[in-house]
Protein backbone atom coordinates (compact mmCIF):
# COMPACT_ATOMS: atom_id res chain seq x y z
CA MET A 1 105.41 158.61 96.50
CA PRO A 2 107.82 160.38 99.26
CA LYS A 3 111.23 160.14 98.78
CA ILE A 4 113.57 159.24 102.32
CA THR A 5 117.14 159.85 101.88
CA PHE A 6 119.28 158.13 104.99
CA MET A 7 122.57 159.74 105.39
CA GLY A 8 125.08 157.24 106.96
CA ALA A 9 122.99 153.84 106.07
CA GLY A 10 125.86 151.90 107.13
CA SER A 11 124.70 152.49 110.62
CA THR A 12 122.65 149.43 110.15
CA VAL A 13 120.70 149.13 113.51
CA PHE A 14 119.64 152.71 113.22
CA ALA A 15 118.79 152.45 109.84
CA ARG A 16 116.97 149.42 110.17
CA ASN A 17 115.00 151.00 113.07
CA VAL A 18 113.90 154.60 111.56
CA LEU A 19 113.35 153.12 108.02
CA GLY A 20 111.72 149.93 109.17
CA ASP A 21 109.29 152.45 111.01
CA CYS A 22 108.68 153.83 107.46
CA MET A 23 107.73 150.84 106.06
CA CYS A 24 105.30 149.84 108.74
CA THR A 25 103.70 153.38 108.12
CA PRO A 26 100.72 153.41 105.68
CA ALA A 27 101.64 156.66 104.74
CA LEU A 28 105.28 156.09 103.95
CA CYS A 29 105.40 152.33 103.24
CA GLU A 30 105.55 152.70 99.31
CA SER A 31 108.53 155.36 99.57
CA GLU A 32 111.36 155.72 97.84
CA ILE A 33 114.45 155.03 99.94
CA ALA A 34 117.73 156.46 99.09
CA LEU A 35 120.45 154.60 101.07
CA TYR A 36 123.66 156.78 101.23
CA ASP A 37 127.04 156.03 102.64
CA ILE A 38 130.89 156.40 101.94
CA ASP A 39 131.34 152.55 103.23
CA ALA A 40 130.65 150.03 100.44
CA GLU A 41 130.59 147.17 102.45
CA ARG A 42 128.21 148.41 105.30
CA LEU A 43 126.25 150.18 102.92
CA GLU A 44 125.49 146.64 101.15
CA GLU A 45 124.86 145.06 104.70
CA SER A 46 122.13 147.62 105.41
CA TYR A 47 120.73 147.22 101.90
CA ILE A 48 120.40 143.34 102.54
CA ILE A 49 118.80 143.62 105.88
CA LEU A 50 116.52 146.43 104.97
CA SER A 51 115.34 144.57 101.75
CA ALA A 52 114.59 141.47 103.86
CA ILE A 53 112.35 143.72 106.18
CA ASN A 54 110.73 145.31 103.04
CA HIS A 55 109.78 142.00 101.74
CA ASN A 56 108.88 140.19 105.05
CA THR A 57 106.87 143.43 106.55
CA ASN A 58 106.09 145.31 103.46
CA GLN A 59 105.27 143.20 100.51
CA ASP A 60 108.39 144.66 98.66
CA ARG A 61 106.42 147.94 98.61
CA ALA A 62 109.30 150.47 99.32
CA ALA A 63 112.05 151.09 96.67
CA LEU A 64 115.47 150.91 97.89
CA LYS A 65 118.54 151.93 96.10
CA THR A 66 122.06 152.40 97.24
CA TYR A 67 124.34 155.53 96.61
CA CYS A 68 128.05 154.87 97.54
CA GLY A 69 130.65 157.77 98.04
CA VAL A 70 130.87 161.59 97.84
CA GLU A 71 130.41 161.62 94.19
CA ASN A 72 127.06 159.82 94.26
CA ARG A 73 125.76 162.07 97.23
CA ARG A 74 123.51 164.73 95.45
CA GLU A 75 122.10 161.88 93.32
CA ALA A 76 120.96 160.09 96.58
CA LEU A 77 119.48 163.59 97.74
CA ARG A 78 117.76 164.77 94.30
CA GLY A 79 114.01 165.24 94.85
CA ALA A 80 114.14 163.89 98.45
CA ASP A 81 111.15 165.23 100.89
CA PHE A 82 113.00 163.74 104.09
CA VAL A 83 116.87 163.48 104.67
CA VAL A 84 117.74 161.46 107.85
CA ASN A 85 121.20 162.16 109.04
CA ALA A 86 123.01 159.62 111.26
CA ILE A 87 126.77 159.81 110.10
CA GLN A 88 129.66 159.27 112.37
CA VAL A 89 132.71 161.18 111.08
CA GLY A 90 135.96 159.20 111.97
CA PHE A 91 134.03 156.03 113.30
CA TYR A 92 134.90 154.59 116.55
CA GLU A 93 138.23 153.46 115.59
CA PRO A 94 140.18 155.92 115.11
CA CYS A 95 138.45 158.94 116.02
CA THR A 96 136.20 158.24 119.41
CA VAL A 97 139.47 156.27 120.85
CA ILE A 98 141.52 159.26 120.29
CA ASP A 99 138.71 161.44 121.91
CA PHE A 100 139.02 159.11 124.91
CA GLU A 101 142.91 158.25 125.18
CA ILE A 102 144.35 161.63 124.63
CA PRO A 103 142.50 163.64 127.38
CA LYS A 104 143.42 160.54 129.93
CA LYS A 105 146.90 161.67 129.45
CA TYR A 106 146.17 164.97 130.91
CA GLY A 107 144.27 163.50 133.77
CA LEU A 108 140.88 164.25 132.18
CA ARG A 109 138.15 161.29 132.18
CA GLN A 110 134.96 160.58 130.36
CA THR A 111 132.20 158.61 130.32
CA ILE A 112 130.29 159.29 126.88
CA ALA A 113 132.09 162.19 125.14
CA ASP A 114 129.58 162.66 122.24
CA THR A 115 127.55 165.95 123.50
CA LEU A 116 129.92 168.22 125.46
CA GLY A 117 133.35 167.96 127.06
CA ILE A 118 136.40 167.85 124.90
CA GLY A 119 135.25 164.53 123.28
CA GLY A 120 131.80 166.30 122.22
CA VAL A 121 133.98 169.55 120.84
CA MET A 122 136.30 167.37 118.68
CA ARG A 123 133.17 165.28 117.33
CA ALA A 124 131.60 168.38 116.40
CA LEU A 125 134.50 169.96 114.72
CA ARG A 126 135.04 166.99 112.29
CA THR A 127 131.21 166.80 111.78
CA ILE A 128 130.42 170.30 110.90
CA PRO A 129 132.29 170.43 107.70
CA VAL A 130 130.74 167.30 106.37
CA LEU A 131 127.40 168.95 107.21
CA GLU A 132 128.28 171.87 105.29
CA ASP A 133 128.87 169.78 102.16
CA PHE A 134 125.53 168.27 102.75
CA ALA A 135 123.82 171.49 103.14
CA ARG A 136 125.01 172.77 99.84
CA ASP A 137 123.85 169.60 98.34
CA ILE A 138 120.36 169.59 99.77
CA GLU A 139 119.88 173.40 98.96
CA ALA A 140 120.60 172.33 95.28
CA VAL A 141 118.76 169.53 94.77
CA CYS A 142 116.21 169.09 97.42
CA PRO A 143 115.56 172.67 98.94
CA ASP A 144 112.17 171.82 100.54
CA ALA A 145 113.79 168.78 102.20
CA TRP A 146 113.38 168.44 106.18
CA PHE A 147 116.57 167.37 107.63
CA LEU A 148 115.82 165.17 110.57
CA ASN A 149 119.36 165.03 112.55
CA TYR A 150 120.17 162.29 114.79
CA THR A 151 123.83 162.73 114.88
CA ASN A 152 125.59 163.82 118.14
CA PRO A 153 126.41 166.39 119.52
CA MET A 154 122.45 167.23 118.66
CA ALA A 155 122.82 171.10 119.74
CA MET A 156 126.03 171.59 117.96
CA LEU A 157 125.22 170.05 114.81
CA SER A 158 121.47 171.08 114.47
CA GLY A 159 122.39 174.63 115.84
CA TYR A 160 125.11 175.35 113.09
CA MET A 161 122.33 173.88 110.33
CA GLN A 162 119.73 176.13 111.88
CA ARG A 163 121.87 179.28 111.96
CA TYR A 164 124.33 179.26 109.12
CA THR A 165 122.17 176.93 106.33
CA ASN A 166 118.73 177.36 104.42
CA VAL A 167 118.27 173.80 105.19
CA LYS A 168 115.14 173.21 107.29
CA THR A 169 116.41 171.07 110.17
CA VAL A 170 115.15 169.68 113.61
CA GLY A 171 117.26 167.59 115.83
CA LEU A 172 115.95 164.45 117.42
CA CYS A 173 116.82 162.25 120.45
CA HIS A 174 115.00 159.62 121.87
CA SER A 175 115.91 160.71 125.75
CA VAL A 176 112.68 162.81 125.88
CA GLN A 177 109.76 160.07 125.00
CA THR A 178 111.78 157.70 127.92
CA CYS A 179 112.22 160.21 130.55
CA SER A 180 109.33 160.63 132.49
CA ARG A 181 108.40 156.66 132.13
CA ASP A 182 112.13 155.53 133.20
CA LEU A 183 111.90 157.80 136.18
CA LEU A 184 108.58 156.62 137.37
CA LYS A 185 109.40 152.85 136.57
CA GLY A 186 112.76 153.68 138.55
CA LEU A 187 110.93 154.69 141.54
CA GLY A 188 108.31 152.07 141.81
CA MET A 189 105.44 154.36 140.51
CA GLU A 190 104.44 152.24 137.41
CA ASP A 191 100.80 152.86 138.47
CA LYS A 192 101.42 156.41 137.42
CA LEU A 193 102.25 156.31 134.00
CA GLU A 194 99.00 155.58 132.36
CA GLY A 195 97.59 159.28 131.33
CA ARG A 196 100.29 161.25 132.66
CA ARG A 197 101.29 164.75 131.62
CA GLU A 198 104.36 166.53 131.51
CA LEU A 199 106.19 169.54 130.25
CA ILE A 200 109.86 169.00 129.12
CA ALA A 201 112.08 171.74 128.06
CA GLY A 202 115.75 172.81 127.91
CA ILE A 203 118.77 171.84 125.77
CA ASN A 204 119.49 168.22 124.28
CA HIS A 205 120.40 165.68 126.95
CA MET A 206 119.88 168.58 129.79
CA ALA A 207 116.24 169.35 129.10
CA TRP A 208 114.08 169.25 132.40
CA LEU A 209 110.92 167.70 133.38
CA LEU A 210 109.48 171.07 134.37
CA GLN A 211 105.75 169.38 135.38
CA ILE A 212 104.67 166.09 135.69
CA THR A 213 101.21 165.14 137.07
CA ASP A 214 98.98 161.77 137.06
CA LYS A 215 95.77 161.49 134.71
CA ASP A 216 93.82 163.09 137.45
CA GLY A 217 96.00 166.17 137.35
CA ASN A 218 97.90 165.58 140.90
CA ASP A 219 101.32 167.02 140.96
CA LEU A 220 103.78 163.87 140.98
CA TYR A 221 106.77 165.54 142.12
CA PRO A 222 106.63 165.80 146.13
CA GLU A 223 106.55 161.69 145.72
CA ILE A 224 109.27 161.81 143.18
CA ARG A 225 111.66 163.86 145.19
CA ARG A 226 110.90 161.74 148.12
CA ARG A 227 111.47 158.36 146.75
CA ALA A 228 114.78 159.90 144.69
CA ALA A 229 116.28 160.88 148.11
CA GLU A 230 115.54 157.50 149.52
CA LYS A 231 116.78 155.33 146.72
CA ASN A 232 120.18 157.43 146.48
CA ALA A 233 120.78 156.89 150.19
CA ALA A 234 119.93 152.88 150.55
CA GLU A 235 121.52 151.59 147.14
CA LYS A 236 123.86 151.87 144.22
CA HIS A 237 122.08 152.43 140.97
CA LYS A 238 122.50 153.55 137.58
CA ASP A 239 120.95 156.78 137.69
CA MET A 240 122.41 158.62 140.93
CA VAL A 241 123.61 161.65 139.37
CA ARG A 242 120.04 162.42 137.82
CA TYR A 243 118.74 161.66 141.27
CA GLU A 244 120.94 164.27 142.73
CA TYR A 245 120.11 166.71 140.34
CA ILE A 246 116.51 166.38 141.69
CA ARG A 247 117.64 166.70 145.34
CA ARG A 248 119.93 169.67 144.55
CA LEU A 249 118.34 171.36 141.61
CA GLY A 250 114.58 170.33 142.05
CA TYR A 251 113.96 168.96 138.77
CA TYR A 252 115.12 165.57 136.49
CA CYS A 253 116.49 165.56 133.26
CA THR A 254 116.20 163.87 129.94
CA GLU A 255 119.52 162.29 129.38
CA SER A 256 121.24 159.45 131.55
CA SER A 257 123.39 159.95 134.71
CA GLU A 258 126.27 158.54 132.54
CA HIS A 259 125.82 161.47 130.25
CA ASN A 260 125.23 164.17 132.73
CA ALA A 261 127.92 163.23 134.90
CA GLU A 262 130.44 164.89 132.33
CA TYR A 263 128.25 168.03 131.72
CA ASN A 264 129.01 170.12 134.77
CA PRO A 265 132.37 170.07 137.21
CA LEU A 266 130.51 168.26 140.09
CA PHE A 267 131.09 164.67 140.12
CA ILE A 268 134.35 163.78 137.69
CA LYS A 269 136.89 165.47 139.91
CA SER A 270 140.48 164.20 140.10
CA ARG A 271 140.88 165.72 143.61
CA TYR A 272 137.59 163.60 144.74
CA PRO A 273 138.04 160.17 143.19
CA GLU A 274 135.63 158.92 145.71
CA LEU A 275 132.89 160.49 144.10
CA ILE A 276 133.23 157.87 140.97
CA ASP A 277 132.01 155.27 143.40
CA ALA A 278 129.73 157.15 145.51
CA TYR A 279 127.66 158.23 142.26
CA ASN A 280 128.48 154.97 140.57
CA ILE A 281 129.94 156.69 137.27
CA PRO A 282 131.02 154.46 134.56
CA LEU A 283 134.24 155.96 133.28
CA ASP A 284 135.01 155.18 129.83
CA GLU A 285 131.39 154.01 129.34
CA TYR A 286 131.14 154.80 125.45
CA PRO A 287 134.30 152.84 124.40
CA ARG A 288 132.75 149.84 126.49
CA ARG A 289 129.63 150.03 124.57
CA CYS A 290 131.30 150.67 121.03
CA VAL A 291 133.17 147.09 121.39
CA ASN A 292 129.99 145.20 122.72
CA GLN A 293 128.04 146.69 119.61
CA ILE A 294 130.73 145.77 117.12
CA LYS A 295 130.92 142.59 118.44
CA GLY A 296 127.06 141.79 118.84
CA TRP A 297 126.52 143.15 115.43
CA LYS A 298 128.82 140.80 113.76
CA GLU A 299 126.81 137.83 115.34
CA GLU A 300 123.62 139.46 114.72
CA LYS A 301 124.46 140.14 111.23
CA ALA A 302 125.33 136.43 110.67
CA SER A 303 122.16 135.17 111.95
CA ILE A 304 120.34 137.59 109.80
CA LEU A 305 121.99 137.00 106.72
CA GLN A 306 121.71 133.42 107.14
CA ASP A 307 117.94 133.01 107.23
CA GLY A 308 116.66 136.30 105.89
CA GLN A 309 113.87 136.15 108.27
CA VAL A 310 114.09 139.53 109.69
CA SER A 311 111.04 141.73 110.58
CA HIS A 312 110.08 144.77 112.12
CA SER A 313 107.36 146.46 114.43
CA ARG A 314 107.26 150.58 114.52
CA SER A 315 109.35 151.91 117.10
CA GLU A 316 109.14 155.18 119.35
CA GLU A 317 111.90 156.84 117.28
CA TYR A 318 110.37 160.39 116.08
CA ALA A 319 111.38 160.17 112.21
CA SER A 320 108.39 158.02 111.16
CA TYR A 321 106.07 160.09 112.91
CA ILE A 322 107.04 163.28 111.82
CA MET A 323 107.18 162.52 108.15
CA GLU A 324 103.53 160.87 108.62
CA ALA A 325 102.26 164.14 110.08
CA ILE A 326 103.57 166.38 107.47
CA LEU A 327 102.41 164.13 104.58
CA THR A 328 98.81 163.66 106.12
CA GLY A 329 98.53 166.73 107.98
CA VAL A 330 97.45 164.75 111.22
CA PRO A 331 99.19 166.56 114.06
CA TYR A 332 101.98 164.93 116.36
CA LYS A 333 103.91 166.22 119.12
CA ILE A 334 107.63 165.65 119.76
CA GLY A 335 110.35 167.07 121.76
CA GLY A 336 112.34 168.65 118.95
CA ASN A 337 115.64 170.51 118.85
CA VAL A 338 115.31 174.09 117.24
CA LEU A 339 116.80 177.42 117.30
CA ASN A 340 115.28 179.02 120.13
CA ALA A 341 114.24 182.32 119.06
CA GLY A 342 112.49 183.52 122.20
CA LEU A 343 110.80 180.10 122.97
CA ILE A 344 112.98 179.82 126.16
CA ASP A 345 113.02 183.25 127.48
CA ASN A 346 116.30 183.11 129.69
CA LEU A 347 118.31 181.04 127.29
CA PRO A 348 120.06 183.07 124.20
CA ALA A 349 117.94 183.36 120.88
CA ASP A 350 120.92 181.75 118.97
CA ALA A 351 120.99 178.71 121.24
CA CYS A 352 119.48 175.13 120.01
CA VAL A 353 116.91 174.28 122.67
CA GLU A 354 114.88 171.20 122.88
CA VAL A 355 111.17 172.12 123.43
CA PRO A 356 107.63 170.70 122.57
CA CYS A 357 106.80 171.04 118.84
CA LEU A 358 103.46 170.47 116.85
CA ILE A 359 104.03 168.77 113.49
CA ASP A 360 101.50 169.20 110.68
CA ARG A 361 101.57 169.95 106.88
CA MET A 362 103.52 173.21 107.90
CA GLY A 363 106.35 171.21 109.14
CA VAL A 364 107.71 171.43 112.84
CA ASN A 365 105.78 174.46 114.78
CA PRO A 366 107.95 174.90 117.89
CA CYS A 367 106.00 175.95 121.50
CA HIS A 368 106.59 178.78 123.25
CA VAL A 369 107.90 177.67 127.00
CA GLY A 370 108.77 180.88 128.90
CA ARG A 371 111.27 181.14 131.66
CA LEU A 372 113.19 178.01 133.09
CA PRO A 373 113.97 178.04 137.04
CA VAL A 374 116.92 179.95 137.51
CA GLN A 375 119.32 177.13 138.51
CA LEU A 376 118.14 175.32 135.37
CA ALA A 377 118.70 177.87 133.06
CA ALA A 378 122.35 178.45 134.64
CA MET A 379 122.98 174.56 134.07
CA ASN A 380 121.91 174.80 130.34
CA MET A 381 123.90 177.94 129.83
CA THR A 382 127.23 176.19 130.99
CA ASN A 383 126.44 173.99 128.16
CA ILE A 384 125.26 176.48 125.44
CA ASN A 385 128.54 178.56 125.99
CA VAL A 386 130.36 175.73 124.76
CA GLN A 387 128.03 174.94 122.25
CA LEU A 388 127.96 178.30 120.72
CA MET A 389 131.87 178.56 120.82
CA THR A 390 132.43 175.15 118.93
CA ILE A 391 130.07 176.37 116.42
CA GLU A 392 132.06 179.74 116.27
CA ALA A 393 135.39 177.53 115.87
CA ALA A 394 133.79 175.31 113.05
CA ARG A 395 132.80 178.46 111.22
CA THR A 396 136.21 180.37 111.67
CA ARG A 397 138.61 177.18 111.48
CA LYS A 398 140.63 178.96 113.91
CA ARG A 399 142.79 176.77 116.58
CA GLU A 400 142.10 179.59 119.29
CA ASP A 401 138.25 179.17 118.94
CA ILE A 402 138.91 175.59 119.55
CA TYR A 403 140.90 176.36 122.85
CA ARG A 404 138.18 178.78 123.95
CA ALA A 405 135.56 176.09 123.50
CA ALA A 406 137.56 173.96 125.30
CA MET A 407 138.31 176.65 128.11
CA LEU A 408 134.55 177.08 128.32
CA ASP A 409 133.52 173.53 129.28
CA PRO A 410 133.09 173.36 132.84
CA HIS A 411 134.27 169.77 133.27
CA THR A 412 137.63 170.48 131.43
CA ALA A 413 138.32 173.86 132.85
CA ALA A 414 137.84 172.60 136.46
CA GLU A 415 140.20 170.08 135.77
CA LEU A 416 143.10 171.37 133.50
CA SER A 417 145.15 174.40 133.57
CA ILE A 418 144.87 176.78 130.32
CA ASP A 419 148.29 175.86 129.17
CA ASP A 420 147.43 171.94 129.15
CA ILE A 421 144.19 172.49 127.61
CA VAL A 422 145.95 174.22 124.75
CA LYS A 423 148.14 171.66 124.50
CA MET A 424 145.63 168.71 124.59
CA CYS A 425 143.60 170.33 122.19
CA ASP A 426 146.59 170.82 119.84
CA GLU A 427 147.46 166.85 120.44
CA LEU A 428 144.00 165.97 119.25
CA ILE A 429 143.58 167.96 116.44
CA GLU A 430 146.91 166.35 115.20
CA ALA A 431 145.89 162.95 116.22
CA HIS A 432 142.83 163.10 114.20
CA GLY A 433 144.66 163.97 111.14
CA PRO A 434 142.62 164.48 107.78
CA TYR A 435 139.63 164.29 109.75
CA MET A 436 140.64 167.90 111.23
CA ALA A 437 143.30 168.89 108.94
CA MET A 438 141.03 172.40 108.05
CA TYR A 439 141.92 173.93 111.53
CA LYS A 440 145.00 175.94 111.56
């Protein structure tokens, strides 16, 4: 019977999806499931809801147990075969609010702020020390476990684990499996969905749809490029930044336009405020989502707890499919975040890249992609520079390395002076209090 430990189980919606998937999978439905969190109330809510799913869809075949607090973390991990990570250090309040509000004082606007930019840097810096503790525990009590990381910033956190720990780590994001489907639907090309073939590679949230053909092997990009240009010229919609990527760079990428608007210096510019409207960029989007999710969750929780009839159908999330393939040996392909080590020839070896990976009994087996088109590798490098420097700052604990990470960020550097970048970083570090007290 496999053991699955879920770190951050108080993230109830996500825990429900991933662990509900496991309960719907024959190879996993009798698993021992350890739910770990530091928030007792949220942990108990997750336990109640997952117990209801286990009862309603799985005939109570899984064994669920909760572990609350740092003092119980090792026991939660002991003997685990798989560790799913979905923590958020500092929560929406205070830390996410701080990551948005202080940069605004300096004229720096963000949309999501969880992957790159000053928000992504700060999120990584307060999360990596926690992952260091996780890694020590995993190495001690479940050294053969696979660590499935869902927490952002994906490339920074997964890259740290892959370079500086002995934990077998793969980073997972659902933007890969939805990329071409959403593109074709958005362009009215639904008839090309069935049997399509694709190649996606790059970095998390900026992996590129390098090839896409229909079931007969016909290249779909000429028609995609034509329709994307026409749609951007004719109407306002939610994916204008990525369609502009197609026009200017020749290729579409995995993560949403609101994300990619802040990964470069091209779209959110104080000197050109008209671009915000022109590309339909939703500033402060992540705080809005958080507020709505918190409100929606309270209503959903009340409904679930009232009648206990919650059920689940297996989702597209990779986690259960990875576990199933490792346990059964039946291969499964994912888009995974792994250490480069020659997979993409024109990106650094120590970067965390997103490439096709085959999963089987041997674990995660990344595939060699070769060279990216020069312009795509260059776009990735502007992000990788920040990612590698942020990991370095988390290792050294030195503020000057934090300043360097922020200075390398393309959006931040385009908007602020060096002096303002330093002042902003200092103010952010102080405002985060105990979450970043280790950075001197």
